[in-house]
PDB file of N, CA and C in Angstrom:
ATOM      1  N   MET A   1     128.501  80.295  90.919  1.00  0.00           N
ATOM      2  CA  MET A   1     128.035  81.122  92.022  1.00  0.00           C
ATOM      3  C   MET A   1     126.509  81.044  92.125  1.00  0.00           C
ATOM      4  N   ALA A   2     126.027  80.963  93.334  1.00  0.00           N
ATOM      5  CA  ALA A   2     124.581  80.869  93.572  1.00  0.00           C
ATOM      6  C   ALA A   2     123.891  82.143  93.105  1.00  0.00           C
ATOM      7  N   LYS A   3     122.721  81.962  92.507  1.00  0.00           N
ATOM      8  CA  LYS A   3     121.992  83.110  91.976  1.00  0.00           C
ATOM      9  C   LYS A   3     120.644  83.263  92.686  1.00  0.00           C
ATOM     10  N   PRO A   4     120.443  84.407  93.359  1.00  0.00           N
ATOM     11  CA  PRO A   4     119.131  84.647  93.969  1.00  0.00           C
ATOM     12  C   PRO A   4     118.184  85.255  92.934  1.00  0.00           C
ATOM     13  N   GLU A   5     116.941  84.809  92.935  1.00  0.00           N
ATOM     14  CA  GLU A   5     115.966  85.408  92.029  1.00  0.00           C
ATOM     15  C   GLU A   5     114.550  85.069  92.486  1.00  0.00           C
ATOM     16  N   PHE A   6     113.725  86.101  92.564  1.00  0.00           N
ATOM     17  CA  PHE A   6     112.290  85.944  92.765  1.00  0.00           C
ATOM     18  C   PHE A   6     111.601  86.463  91.511  1.00  0.00           C
ATOM     19  N   THR A   7     110.483  85.850  91.157  1.00  0.00           N
ATOM     20  CA  THR A   7     109.617  86.376  90.111  1.00  0.00           C
ATOM     21  C   THR A   7     108.208  86.477  90.689  1.00  0.00           C
ATOM     22  N   CYS A   8     107.401  87.342  90.080  1.00  0.00           N
ATOM     23  CA  CYS A   8     106.055  87.607  90.610  1.00  0.00           C
ATOM     24  C   CYS A   8     105.009  87.509  89.516  1.00  0.00           C
ATOM     25  N   SER A   9     103.821  87.067  89.900  1.00  0.00           N
ATOM     26  CA  SER A   9     102.651  87.153  89.035  1.00  0.00           C
ATOM     27  C   SER A   9     101.557  87.879  89.818  1.00  0.00           C
ATOM     28  N   VAL A  10     100.710  88.609  89.088  1.00  0.00           N
ATOM     29  CA  VAL A  10      99.705  89.466  89.720  1.00  0.00           C
ATOM     30  C   VAL A  10      98.348  89.256  89.074  1.00  0.00           C
ATOM     31  N   ALA A  11      97.302  89.217  89.894  1.00  0.00           N
ATOM     32  CA  ALA A  11      95.913  89.221  89.424  1.00  0.00           C
ATOM     33  C   ALA A  11      95.195  90.346  90.169  1.00  0.00           C
ATOM     34  N   THR A  12      94.353  91.098  89.452  1.00  0.00           N
ATOM     35  CA  THR A  12      93.622  92.211  90.075  1.00  0.00           C
ATOM     36  C   THR A  12      92.125  92.052  89.845  1.00  0.00           C
ATOM     37  N   ARG A  13      91.367  92.737  90.686  1.00  0.00           N
ATOM     38  CA  ARG A  13      89.925  92.804  90.458  1.00  0.00           C
ATOM     39  C   ARG A  13      89.374  94.080  91.097  1.00  0.00           C
ATOM     40  N   PHE A  14      88.358  94.631  90.468  1.00  0.00           N
ATOM     41  CA  PHE A  14      87.672  95.822  90.945  1.00  0.00           C
ATOM     42  C   PHE A  14      86.785  95.435  92.125  1.00  0.00           C
ATOM     43  N   LEU A  15      86.714  96.314  93.121  1.00  0.00           N
ATOM     44  CA  LEU A  15      85.870  96.076  94.307  1.00  0.00           C
ATOM     45  C   LEU A  15      84.714  97.080  94.318  1.00  0.00           C
ATOM     46  N   PRO A  16      83.604  96.756  93.664  1.00  0.00           N
ATOM     47  CA  PRO A  16      82.500  97.719  93.567  1.00  0.00           C
ATOM     48  C   PRO A  16      81.910  98.099  94.928  1.00  0.00           C
ATOM     49  N   ASP A  17      81.866  97.162  95.876  1.00  0.00           N
ATOM     50  CA  ASP A  17      81.292  97.448  97.193  1.00  0.00           C
ATOM     51  C   ASP A  17      82.144  98.406  98.021  1.00  0.00           C
ATOM     52  N   GLN A  18      83.424  98.552  97.660  1.00  0.00           N
ATOM     53  CA  GLN A  18      84.338  99.434  98.387  1.00  0.00           C
ATOM     54  C   GLN A  18      84.586 100.741  97.625  1.00  0.00           C
ATOM     55  N   SER A  19      83.865 100.929  96.510  1.00  0.00           N
ATOM     56  CA  SER A  19      84.087 102.078  95.635  1.00  0.00           C
ATOM     57  C   SER A  19      82.870 102.988  95.629  1.00  0.00           C
ATOM     58  N   ASP A  20      83.108 104.274  95.320  1.00  0.00           N
ATOM     59  CA  ASP A  20      82.022 105.258  95.242  1.00  0.00           C
ATOM     60  C   ASP A  20      82.422 106.327  94.229  1.00  0.00           C
ATOM     61  N   SER A  21      81.856 106.218  93.019  1.00  0.00           N
ATOM     62  CA  SER A  21      82.230 107.150  91.956  1.00  0.00           C
ATOM     63  C   SER A  21      81.844 108.587  92.294  1.00  0.00           C
ATOM     64  N   THR A  22      80.818 108.795  93.120  1.00  0.00           N
ATOM     65  CA  THR A  22      80.437 110.161  93.494  1.00  0.00           C
ATOM     66  C   THR A  22      81.486 110.812  94.394  1.00  0.00           C
ATOM     67  N   ARG A  23      82.317 110.005  95.020  1.00  0.00           N
ATOM     68  CA  ARG A  23      83.405 110.510  95.872  1.00  0.00           C
ATOM     69  C   ARG A  23      84.787 110.284  95.244  1.00  0.00           C
ATOM     70  N   SER A  24      84.790 109.847  93.990  1.00  0.00           N
ATOM     71  CA  SER A  24      86.037 109.552  93.274  1.00  0.00           C
ATOM     72  C   SER A  24      86.932 108.597  94.061  1.00  0.00           C
ATOM     73  N   THR A  25      86.337 107.513  94.530  1.00  0.00           N
ATOM     74  CA  THR A  25      87.106 106.469  95.202  1.00  0.00           C
ATOM     75  C   THR A  25      86.825 105.142  94.502  1.00  0.00           C
ATOM     76  N   TYR A  26      87.873 104.562  93.991  1.00  0.00           N
ATOM     77  CA  TYR A  26      87.792 103.292  93.273  1.00  0.00           C
ATOM     78  C   TYR A  26      88.766 102.331  93.933  1.00  0.00           C
ATOM     79  N   SER A  27      88.244 101.200  94.368  1.00  0.00           N
ATOM     80  CA  SER A  27      89.054 100.238  95.113  1.00  0.00           C
ATOM     81  C   SER A  27      89.309  98.987  94.274  1.00  0.00           C
ATOM     82  N   PHE A  28      90.526  98.465  94.429  1.00  0.00           N
ATOM     83  CA  PHE A  28      90.950  97.290  93.679  1.00  0.00           C
ATOM     84  C   PHE A  28      91.687  96.332  94.605  1.00  0.00           C
ATOM     85  N   ALA A  29      91.378  95.059  94.463  1.00  0.00           N
ATOM     86  CA  ALA A  29      92.133  94.014  95.163  1.00  0.00           C
ATOM     87  C   ALA A  29      93.198  93.506  94.208  1.00  0.00           C
ATOM     88  N   TYR A  30      94.320  93.088  94.779  1.00  0.00           N
ATOM     89  CA  TYR A  30      95.344  92.449  93.963  1.00  0.00           C
ATOM     90  C   TYR A  30      95.926  91.278  94.748  1.00  0.00           C
ATOM     91  N   THR A  31      96.224  90.230  94.015  1.00  0.00           N
ATOM     92  CA  THR A  31      96.848  89.042  94.588  1.00  0.00           C
ATOM     93  C   THR A  31      98.179  88.843  93.882  1.00  0.00           C
ATOM     94  N   ILE A  32      99.225  88.702  94.677  1.00  0.00           N
ATOM     95  CA  ILE A  32     100.568  88.527  94.143  1.00  0.00           C
ATOM     96  C   ILE A  32     101.117  87.180  94.598  1.00  0.00           C
ATOM     97  N   VAL A  33     101.686  86.460  93.651  1.00  0.00           N
ATOM     98  CA  VAL A  33     102.378  85.220  93.957  1.00  0.00           C
ATOM     99  C   VAL A  33     103.861  85.468  93.691  1.00  0.00           C
ATOM    100  N   ILE A  34     104.667  85.262  94.725  1.00  0.00           N
ATOM    101  CA  ILE A  34     106.110  85.462  94.645  1.00  0.00           C
ATOM    102  C   ILE A  34     106.756  84.074  94.609  1.00  0.00           C
ATOM    103  N   HIS A  35     107.531  83.807  93.573  1.00  0.00           N
ATOM    104  CA  HIS A  35     108.197  82.512  93.396  1.00  0.00           C
ATOM    105  C   HIS A  35     109.697  82.684  93.576  1.00  0.00           C
ATOM    106  N   ASN A  36     110.310  81.796  94.313  1.00  0.00           N
ATOM    107  CA  ASN A  36     111.768  81.770  94.376  1.00  0.00           C
ATOM    108  C   ASN A  36     112.241  80.919  93.194  1.00  0.00           C
ATOM    109  N   THR A  37     112.653  81.599  92.126  1.00  0.00           N
ATOM    110  CA  THR A  37     113.124  80.919  90.914  1.00  0.00           C
ATOM    111  C   THR A  37     114.651  80.849  90.883  1.00  0.00           C
ATOM    112  N   GLY A  38     115.280  81.271  91.958  1.00  0.00           N
ATOM    113  CA  GLY A  38     116.730  81.188  92.065  1.00  0.00           C
ATOM    114  C   GLY A  38     117.152  79.845  92.620  1.00  0.00           C
ATOM    115  N   ASP A  39     118.415  79.781  93.016  1.00  0.00           N
ATOM    116  CA  ASP A  39     118.914  78.507  93.541  1.00  0.00           C
ATOM    117  C   ASP A  39     119.431  78.614  94.965  1.00  0.00           C
ATOM    118  N   VAL A  40     118.999  79.668  95.685  1.00  0.00           N
ATOM    119  CA  VAL A  40     119.356  79.825  97.096  1.00  0.00           C
ATOM    120  C   VAL A  40     118.140  80.314  97.883  1.00  0.00           C
ATOM    121  N   PRO A  41     118.026  79.973  99.163  1.00  0.00           N
ATOM    122  CA  PRO A  41     116.952  80.522  99.983  1.00  0.00           C
ATOM    123  C   PRO A  41     117.097  82.045 100.096  1.00  0.00           C
ATOM    124  N   ALA A  42     115.970  82.730 100.144  1.00  0.00           N
ATOM    125  CA  ALA A  42     116.001  84.190 100.270  1.00  0.00           C
ATOM    126  C   ALA A  42     114.728  84.669 100.945  1.00  0.00           C
ATOM    127  N   GLN A  43     114.821  85.872 101.514  1.00  0.00           N
ATOM    128  CA  GLN A  43     113.703  86.438 102.270  1.00  0.00           C
ATOM    129  C   GLN A  43     113.310  87.792 101.703  1.00  0.00           C
ATOM    130  N   LEU A  44     112.006  88.005 101.579  1.00  0.00           N
ATOM    131  CA  LEU A  44     111.478  89.307 101.203  1.00  0.00           C
ATOM    132  C   LEU A  44     111.493  90.172 102.458  1.00  0.00           C
ATOM    133  N   ILE A  45     112.152  91.314 102.399  1.00  0.00           N
ATOM    134  CA  ILE A  45     112.321  92.178 103.565  1.00  0.00           C
ATOM    135  C   ILE A  45     111.386  93.392 103.529  1.00  0.00           C
ATOM    136  N   ALA A  46     111.278  94.042 102.359  1.00  0.00           N
ATOM    137  CA  ALA A  46     110.517  95.293 102.274  1.00  0.00           C
ATOM    138  C   ALA A  46     109.922  95.444 100.882  1.00  0.00           C
ATOM    139  N   ARG A  47     109.019  96.437 100.767  1.00  0.00           N
ATOM    140  CA  ARG A  47     108.350  96.707  99.497  1.00  0.00           C
ATOM    141  C   ARG A  47     108.338  98.203  99.220  1.00  0.00           C
ATOM    142  N   HIS A  48     108.222  98.539  97.937  1.00  0.00           N
ATOM    143  CA  HIS A  48     108.054  99.924  97.496  1.00  0.00           C
ATOM    144  C   HIS A  48     107.091  99.889  96.322  1.00  0.00           C
ATOM    145  N   TRP A  49     105.952 100.547  96.471  1.00  0.00           N
ATOM    146  CA  TRP A  49     104.936 100.608  95.414  1.00  0.00           C
ATOM    147  C   TRP A  49     104.834 102.029  94.886  1.00  0.00           C
ATOM    148  N   ILE A  50     104.617 102.145  93.584  1.00  0.00           N
ATOM    149  CA  ILE A  50     104.263 103.414  92.946  1.00  0.00           C
ATOM    150  C   ILE A  50     102.905 103.184  92.309  1.00  0.00           C
ATOM    151  N   ILE A  51     101.913 103.944  92.769  1.00  0.00           N
ATOM    152  CA  ILE A  51     100.523 103.776  92.340  1.00  0.00           C
ATOM    153  C   ILE A  51     100.116 105.057  91.623  1.00  0.00           C
ATOM    154  N   THR A  52      99.667 104.934  90.376  1.00  0.00           N
ATOM    155  CA  THR A  52      99.331 106.107  89.570  1.00  0.00           C
ATOM    156  C   THR A  52      97.914 105.968  89.055  1.00  0.00           C
ATOM    157  N   ASP A  53      97.101 107.019  89.238  1.00  0.00           N
ATOM    158  CA  ASP A  53      95.743 106.975  88.700  1.00  0.00           C
ATOM    159  C   ASP A  53      95.730 107.591  87.298  1.00  0.00           C
ATOM    160  N   LEU A  54      94.574 107.544  86.642  1.00  0.00           N
ATOM    161  CA  LEU A  54      94.447 108.010  85.269  1.00  0.00           C
ATOM    162  C   LEU A  54      94.701 109.511  85.143  1.00  0.00           C
ATOM    163  N   ALA A  55      94.507 110.262  86.222  1.00  0.00           N
ATOM    164  CA  ALA A  55      94.754 111.702  86.212  1.00  0.00           C
ATOM    165  C   ALA A  55      96.235 112.030  86.424  1.00  0.00           C
ATOM    166  N   GLY A  56      97.047 110.996  86.640  1.00  0.00           N
ATOM    167  CA  GLY A  56      98.476 111.206  86.833  1.00  0.00           C
ATOM    168  C   GLY A  56      98.903 111.403  88.279  1.00  0.00           C
ATOM    169  N   LYS A  57      97.962 111.340  89.210  1.00  0.00           N
ATOM    170  CA  LYS A  57      98.322 111.458  90.626  1.00  0.00           C
ATOM    171  C   LYS A  57      99.047 110.189  91.059  1.00  0.00           C
ATOM    172  N   THR A  58     100.181 110.379  91.728  1.00  0.00           N
ATOM    173  CA  THR A  58     101.011 109.249  92.143  1.00  0.00           C
ATOM    174  C   THR A  58     101.085 109.162  93.655  1.00  0.00           C
ATOM    175  N   GLN A  59     100.960 107.934  94.152  1.00  0.00           N
ATOM    176  CA  GLN A  59     101.165 107.641  95.573  1.00  0.00           C
ATOM    177  C   GLN A  59     102.354 106.686  95.664  1.00  0.00           C
ATOM    178  N   GLU A  60     103.156 106.842  96.703  1.00  0.00           N
ATOM    179  CA  GLU A  60     104.235 105.895  96.954  1.00  0.00           C
ATOM    180  C   GLU A  60     104.006 105.255  98.306  1.00  0.00           C
ATOM    181  N   VAL A  61     104.196 103.958  98.368  1.00  0.00           N
ATOM    182  CA  VAL A  61     104.023 103.207  99.604  1.00  0.00           C
ATOM    183  C   VAL A  61     105.296 102.403  99.838  1.00  0.00           C
ATOM    184  N   ARG A  62     105.872 102.554 101.015  1.00  0.00           N
ATOM    185  CA  ARG A  62     107.060 101.792 101.404  1.00  0.00           C
ATOM    186  C   ARG A  62     106.776 101.143 102.748  1.00  0.00           C
ATOM    187  N   GLY A  63     107.350  99.988 102.965  1.00  0.00           N
ATOM    188  CA  GLY A  63     107.170  99.351 104.259  1.00  0.00           C
ATOM    189  C   GLY A  63     107.900  98.032 104.342  1.00  0.00           C
ATOM    190  N   LEU A  64     107.969  97.527 105.537  1.00  0.00           N
ATOM    191  CA  LEU A  64     108.586  96.229 105.772  1.00  0.00           C
ATOM    192  C   LEU A  64     107.625  95.114 105.379  1.00  0.00           C
ATOM    193  N   GLY A  65     108.136  94.122 104.708  1.00  0.00           N
ATOM    194  CA  GLY A  65     107.356  92.941 104.383  1.00  0.00           C
ATOM    195  C   GLY A  65     106.132  93.220 103.542  1.00  0.00           C
ATOM    196  N   VAL A  66     105.255  92.215 103.492  1.00  0.00           N
ATOM    197  CA  VAL A  66     103.972  92.302 102.804  1.00  0.00           C
ATOM    198  C   VAL A  66     102.914  91.709 103.718  1.00  0.00           C
ATOM    199  N   VAL A  67     101.837  92.417 103.917  1.00  0.00           N
ATOM    200  CA  VAL A  67     100.733  92.024 104.800  1.00  0.00           C
ATOM    201  C   VAL A  67     101.238  91.410 106.109  1.00  0.00           C
ATOM    202  N   GLY A  68     102.213  92.068 106.709  1.00  0.00           N
ATOM    203  CA  GLY A  68     102.728  91.617 108.004  1.00  0.00           C
ATOM    204  C   GLY A  68     103.678  90.440 107.956  1.00  0.00           C
ATOM    205  N   ASN A  69     104.095  90.036 106.767  1.00  0.00           N
ATOM    206  CA  ASN A  69     104.993  88.889 106.615  1.00  0.00           C
ATOM    207  C   ASN A  69     106.290  89.287 105.925  1.00  0.00           C
ATOM    208  N   GLN A  70     107.342  88.592 106.266  1.00  0.00           N
ATOM    209  CA  GLN A  70     108.623  88.681 105.564  1.00  0.00           C
ATOM    210  C   GLN A  70     109.010  87.250 105.201  1.00  0.00           C
ATOM    211  N   PRO A  71     108.346  86.716 104.154  1.00  0.00           N
ATOM    212  CA  PRO A  71     108.496  85.285 103.865  1.00  0.00           C
ATOM    213  C   PRO A  71     109.919  84.898 103.457  1.00  0.00           C
ATOM    214  N   LEU A  72     110.367  83.780 104.002  1.00  0.00           N
ATOM    215  CA  LEU A  72     111.631  83.154 103.634  1.00  0.00           C
ATOM    216  C   LEU A  72     111.288  82.002 102.708  1.00  0.00           C
ATOM    217  N   LEU A  73     111.792  82.064 101.477  1.00  0.00           N
ATOM    218  CA  LEU A  73     111.441  81.069 100.466  1.00  0.00           C
ATOM    219  C   LEU A  73     112.669  80.285 100.028  1.00  0.00           C
ATOM    220  N   LYS A  74     112.559  78.979 100.082  1.00  0.00           N
ATOM    221  CA  LYS A  74     113.597  78.111  99.541  1.00  0.00           C
ATOM    222  C   LYS A  74     113.409  78.036  98.023  1.00  0.00           C
ATOM    223  N   PRO A  75     114.429  77.642  97.285  1.00  0.00           N
ATOM    224  CA  PRO A  75     114.259  77.494  95.835  1.00  0.00           C
ATOM    225  C   PRO A  75     113.038  76.629  95.512  1.00  0.00           C
ATOM    226  N   GLY A  76     112.218  77.120  94.583  1.00  0.00           N
ATOM    227  CA  GLY A  76     111.015  76.399  94.177  1.00  0.00           C
ATOM    228  C   GLY A  76     109.781  76.720  94.997  1.00  0.00           C
ATOM    229  N   GLU A  77     109.943  77.363  96.151  1.00  0.00           N
ATOM    230  CA  GLU A  77     108.780  77.707  96.980  1.00  0.00           C
ATOM    231  C   GLU A  77     108.158  79.025  96.497  1.00  0.00           C
ATOM    232  N   HIS A  78     106.906  79.229  96.932  1.00  0.00           N
ATOM    233  CA  HIS A  78     106.223  80.484  96.600  1.00  0.00           C
ATOM    234  C   HIS A  78     105.434  80.973  97.807  1.00  0.00           C
ATOM    235  N   PHE A  79     105.080  82.252  97.765  1.00  0.00           N
ATOM    236  CA  PHE A  79     104.276  82.891  98.798  1.00  0.00           C
ATOM    237  C   PHE A  79     103.220  83.709  98.087  1.00  0.00           C
ATOM    238  N   GLU A  80     101.966  83.580  98.514  1.00  0.00           N
ATOM    239  CA  GLU A  80     100.857  84.308  97.902  1.00  0.00           C
ATOM    240  C   GLU A  80     100.202  85.197  98.939  1.00  0.00           C
ATOM    241  N   TYR A  81      99.886  86.419  98.535  1.00  0.00           N
ATOM    242  CA  TYR A  81      99.157  87.310  99.433  1.00  0.00           C
ATOM    243  C   TYR A  81      98.223  88.201  98.637  1.00  0.00           C
ATOM    244  N   SER A  82      97.215  88.708  99.322  1.00  0.00           N
ATOM    245  CA  SER A  82      96.262  89.635  98.719  1.00  0.00           C
ATOM    246  C   SER A  82      96.209  90.903  99.545  1.00  0.00           C
ATOM    247  N   SER A  83      96.008  92.009  98.856  1.00  0.00           N
ATOM    248  CA  SER A  83      95.862  93.302  99.505  1.00  0.00           C
ATOM    249  C   SER A  83      94.945  94.146  98.625  1.00  0.00           C
ATOM    250  N   TRP A  84      94.873  95.429  98.911  1.00  0.00           N
ATOM    251  CA  TRP A  84      94.001  96.281  98.119  1.00  0.00           C
ATOM    252  C   TRP A  84      94.574  97.691  98.078  1.00  0.00           C
ATOM    253  N   VAL A  85      94.052  98.466  97.134  1.00  0.00           N
ATOM    254  CA  VAL A  85      94.476  99.846  96.950  1.00  0.00           C
ATOM    255  C   VAL A  85      93.266 100.661  96.504  1.00  0.00           C
ATOM    256  N   GLN A  86      93.300 101.946  96.811  1.00  0.00           N
ATOM    257  CA  GLN A  86      92.210 102.841  96.417  1.00  0.00           C
ATOM    258  C   GLN A  86      92.805 104.016  95.655  1.00  0.00           C
ATOM    259  N   ILE A  87      92.212 104.332  94.491  1.00  0.00           N
ATOM    260  CA  ILE A  87      92.650 105.462  93.692  1.00  0.00           C
ATOM    261  C   ILE A  87      91.444 106.339  93.353  1.00  0.00           C
ATOM    262  N   ALA A  88      91.693 107.512  92.764  1.00  0.00           N
ATOM    263  CA  ALA A  88      90.626 108.494  92.519  1.00  0.00           C
ATOM    264  C   ALA A  88      90.006 108.389  91.129  1.00  0.00           C
ATOM    265  N   THR A  89      90.462 107.465  90.303  1.00  0.00           N
ATOM    266  CA  THR A  89      89.915 107.301  88.958  1.00  0.00           C
ATOM    267  C   THR A  89      89.593 105.822  88.723  1.00  0.00           C
ATOM    268  N   PRO A  90      88.734 105.529  87.709  1.00  0.00           N
ATOM    269  CA  PRO A  90      88.357 104.138  87.483  1.00  0.00           C
ATOM    270  C   PRO A  90      89.456 103.281  86.854  1.00  0.00           C
ATOM    271  N   ARG A  91      90.576 103.908  86.492  1.00  0.00           N
ATOM    272  CA  ARG A  91      91.714 103.168  85.959  1.00  0.00           C
ATOM    273  C   ARG A  91      93.004 103.745  86.520  1.00  0.00           C
ATOM    274  N   GLY A  92      94.007 102.900  86.582  1.00  0.00           N
ATOM    275  CA  GLY A  92      95.331 103.319  87.021  1.00  0.00           C
ATOM    276  C   GLY A  92      96.280 102.142  86.897  1.00  0.00           C
ATOM    277  N   GLN A  93      97.433 102.299  87.514  1.00  0.00           N
ATOM    278  CA  GLN A  93      98.382 101.186  87.493  1.00  0.00           C
ATOM    279  C   GLN A  93      99.256 101.211  88.732  1.00  0.00           C
ATOM    280  N   MET A  94      99.848 100.068  89.018  1.00  0.00           N
ATOM    281  CA  MET A  94     100.803  99.911  90.110  1.00  0.00           C
ATOM    282  C   MET A  94     102.047  99.248  89.561  1.00  0.00           C
ATOM    283  N   GLN A  95     103.165  99.595  90.149  1.00  0.00           N
ATOM    284  CA  GLN A  95     104.414  98.891  89.889  1.00  0.00           C
ATOM    285  C   GLN A  95     105.261  99.022  91.132  1.00  0.00           C
ATOM    286  N   GLY A  96     106.241  98.167  91.263  1.00  0.00           N
ATOM    287  CA  GLY A  96     107.013  98.261  92.486  1.00  0.00           C
ATOM    288  C   GLY A  96     108.240  97.386  92.507  1.00  0.00           C
ATOM    289  N   THR A  97     108.789  97.293  93.701  1.00  0.00           N
ATOM    290  CA  THR A  97     109.996  96.519  93.936  1.00  0.00           C
ATOM    291  C   THR A  97     109.895  95.859  95.303  1.00  0.00           C
ATOM    292  N   PHE A  98     110.282  94.597  95.355  1.00  0.00           N
ATOM    293  CA  PHE A  98     110.473  93.916  96.626  1.00  0.00           C
ATOM    294  C   PHE A  98     111.977  93.890  96.894  1.00  0.00           C
ATOM    295  N   PHE A  99     112.369  94.250  98.104  1.00  0.00           N
ATOM    296  CA  PHE A  99     113.766  94.216  98.514  1.00  0.00           C
ATOM    297  C   PHE A  99     113.987  92.919  99.274  1.00  0.00           C
ATOM    298  N   CYS A 100     114.971  92.142  98.833  1.00  0.00           N
ATOM    299  CA  CYS A 100     115.155  90.789  99.340  1.00  0.00           C
ATOM    300  C   CYS A 100     116.608  90.574  99.756  1.00  0.00           C
ATOM    301  N   VAL A 101     116.823  89.512 100.544  1.00  0.00           N
ATOM    302  CA  VAL A 101     118.172  89.168 100.982  1.00  0.00           C
ATOM    303  C   VAL A 101     118.287  87.649 101.082  1.00  0.00           C
ATOM    304  N   THR A 102     119.447  87.134 100.673  1.00  0.00           N
ATOM    305  CA  THR A 102     119.688  85.692 100.777  1.00  0.00           C
ATOM    306  C   THR A 102     120.141  85.369 102.201  1.00  0.00           C
ATOM    307  N   ASP A 103     120.199  84.078 102.502  1.00  0.00           N
ATOM    308  CA  ASP A 103     120.679  83.671 103.823  1.00  0.00           C
ATOM    309  C   ASP A 103     122.178  83.931 103.977  1.00  0.00           C
ATOM    310  N   ALA A 104     122.864  84.282 102.885  1.00  0.00           N
ATOM    311  CA  ALA A 104     124.280  84.667 102.941  1.00  0.00           C
ATOM    312  C   ALA A 104     124.443  86.191 102.941  1.00  0.00           C
ATOM    313  N   ALA A 105     123.349  86.905 103.217  1.00  0.00           N
ATOM    314  CA  ALA A 105     123.331  88.378 103.314  1.00  0.00           C
ATOM    315  C   ALA A 105     123.633  89.067 101.986  1.00  0.00           C
ATOM    316  N   GLN A 106     123.237  88.458 100.876  1.00  0.00           N
ATOM    317  CA  GLN A 106     123.349  89.092  99.558  1.00  0.00           C
ATOM    318  C   GLN A 106     122.006  89.760  99.244  1.00  0.00           C
ATOM    319  N   PHE A 107     122.018  91.085  99.076  1.00  0.00           N
ATOM    320  CA  PHE A 107     120.796  91.824  98.803  1.00  0.00           C
ATOM    321  C   PHE A 107     120.500  91.818  97.309  1.00  0.00           C
ATOM    322  N   PHE A 108     119.207  91.773  96.965  1.00  0.00           N
ATOM    323  CA  PHE A 108     118.792  91.885  95.566  1.00  0.00           C
ATOM    324  C   PHE A 108     117.375  92.441  95.516  1.00  0.00           C
ATOM    325  N   ASP A 109     117.043  93.048  94.377  1.00  0.00           N
ATOM    326  CA  ASP A 109     115.712  93.616  94.154  1.00  0.00           C
ATOM    327  C   ASP A 109     114.911  92.703  93.240  1.00  0.00           C
ATOM    328  N   THR A 110     113.615  92.633  93.500  1.00  0.00           N
ATOM    329  CA  THR A 110     112.690  91.922  92.628  1.00  0.00           C
ATOM    330  C   THR A 110     111.692  92.938  92.090  1.00  0.00           C
ATOM    331  N   PRO A 111     111.815  93.306  90.816  1.00  0.00           N
ATOM    332  CA  PRO A 111     110.863  94.266  90.261  1.00  0.00           C
ATOM    333  C   PRO A 111     109.492  93.615  90.049  1.00  0.00           C
ATOM    334  N   VAL A 112     108.447  94.401  90.278  1.00  0.00           N
ATOM    335  CA  VAL A 112     107.086  93.976  89.946  1.00  0.00           C
ATOM    336  C   VAL A 112     106.654  94.894  88.807  1.00  0.00           C
ATOM    337  N   PRO A 113     106.632  94.378  87.567  1.00  0.00           N
ATOM    338  CA  PRO A 113     106.288  95.229  86.427  1.00  0.00           C
ATOM    339  C   PRO A 113     104.898  95.849  86.597  1.00  0.00           C
ATOM    340  N   ALA A 114     104.683  96.967  85.931  1.00  0.00           N
ATOM    341  CA  ALA A 114     103.406  97.682  86.019  1.00  0.00           C
ATOM    342  C   ALA A 114     102.249  96.744  85.686  1.00  0.00           C
ATOM    343  N   PHE A 115     101.199  96.849  86.504  1.00  0.00           N
ATOM    344  CA  PHE A 115      99.970  96.107  86.228  1.00  0.00           C
ATOM    345  C   PHE A 115      98.785  97.045  86.331  1.00  0.00           C
ATOM    346  N   GLU A 116      97.761  96.712  85.563  1.00  0.00           N
ATOM    347  CA  GLU A 116      96.582  97.561  85.391  1.00  0.00           C
ATOM    348  C   GLU A 116      95.604  97.437  86.550  1.00  0.00           C
ATOM    349  N   LEU A 117      95.087  98.579  86.952  1.00  0.00           N
ATOM    350  CA  LEU A 117      93.952  98.642  87.882  1.00  0.00           C
ATOM    351  C   LEU A 117      92.810  99.211  87.045  1.00  0.00           C
ATOM    352  N   SER A 118      91.781  98.417  86.812  1.00  0.00           N
ATOM    353  CA  SER A 118      90.716  98.870  85.913  1.00  0.00           C
ATOM    354  C   SER A 118      89.389  98.223  86.266  1.00  0.00           C
ATOM    355  N   MET A 119      88.352  99.052  86.250  1.00  0.00           N
ATOM    356  CA  MET A 119      87.009  98.514  86.451  1.00  0.00           C
ATOM    357  C   MET A 119      86.692  97.477  85.381  1.00  0.00           C
ATOM    358  N   ASN A 120      87.176  97.696  84.173  1.00  0.00           N
ATOM    359  CA  ASN A 120      86.883  96.803  83.048  1.00  0.00           C
ATOM    360  C   ASN A 120      87.441  95.415  83.223  1.00  0.00           C
ATOM    361  N   THR A 121      88.556  95.266  83.938  1.00  0.00           N
ATOM    362  CA  THR A 121      89.145  93.935  84.102  1.00  0.00           C
ATOM    363  C   THR A 121      88.225  93.020  84.891  1.00  0.00           C
ATOM    364  N   ALA A 122      87.337  93.599  85.694  1.00  0.00           N
ATOM    365  CA  ALA A 122      86.408  92.789  86.481  1.00  0.00           C
ATOM    366  C   ALA A 122      85.305  92.196  85.614  1.00  0.00           C
ATOM    367  N   LEU A 123      85.131  92.720  84.411  1.00  0.00           N
ATOM    368  CA  LEU A 123      84.045  92.261  83.549  1.00  0.00           C
ATOM    369  C   LEU A 123      84.424  91.073  82.678  1.00  0.00           C
ATOM    370  N   HIS A 124      85.699  90.748  82.589  1.00  0.00           N
ATOM    371  CA  HIS A 124      86.142  89.672  81.690  1.00  0.00           C
ATOM    372  C   HIS A 124      86.335  88.381  82.439  1.00  0.00           C
TER     373      HIS A 124
END
């Protein structure tokens, strides 16, 4: 039986020009690469993010696609996009799920494991 599967890799960076510690606003860019590691074509339909700052404040973001796209990926193909997020502390984390469907209308989830949002990551 055909197996649908996407995997993701994430890179983040602090955006000092978009941040203001006196207003407790810290901005981070993130780039995600989504790989179709399965053996059937599939499309990313929607996303759900859980964003938590160091103080424990949580934001949830849901929506169709990513940056205005709902990429259809054949086995072995990938899609890369960049976006950004703003939190109230200099550190936090994001995690989420991409909701996907194969061309045979089989739905599956692609988890995006928690990744760090940190001013310090920009220094390395």
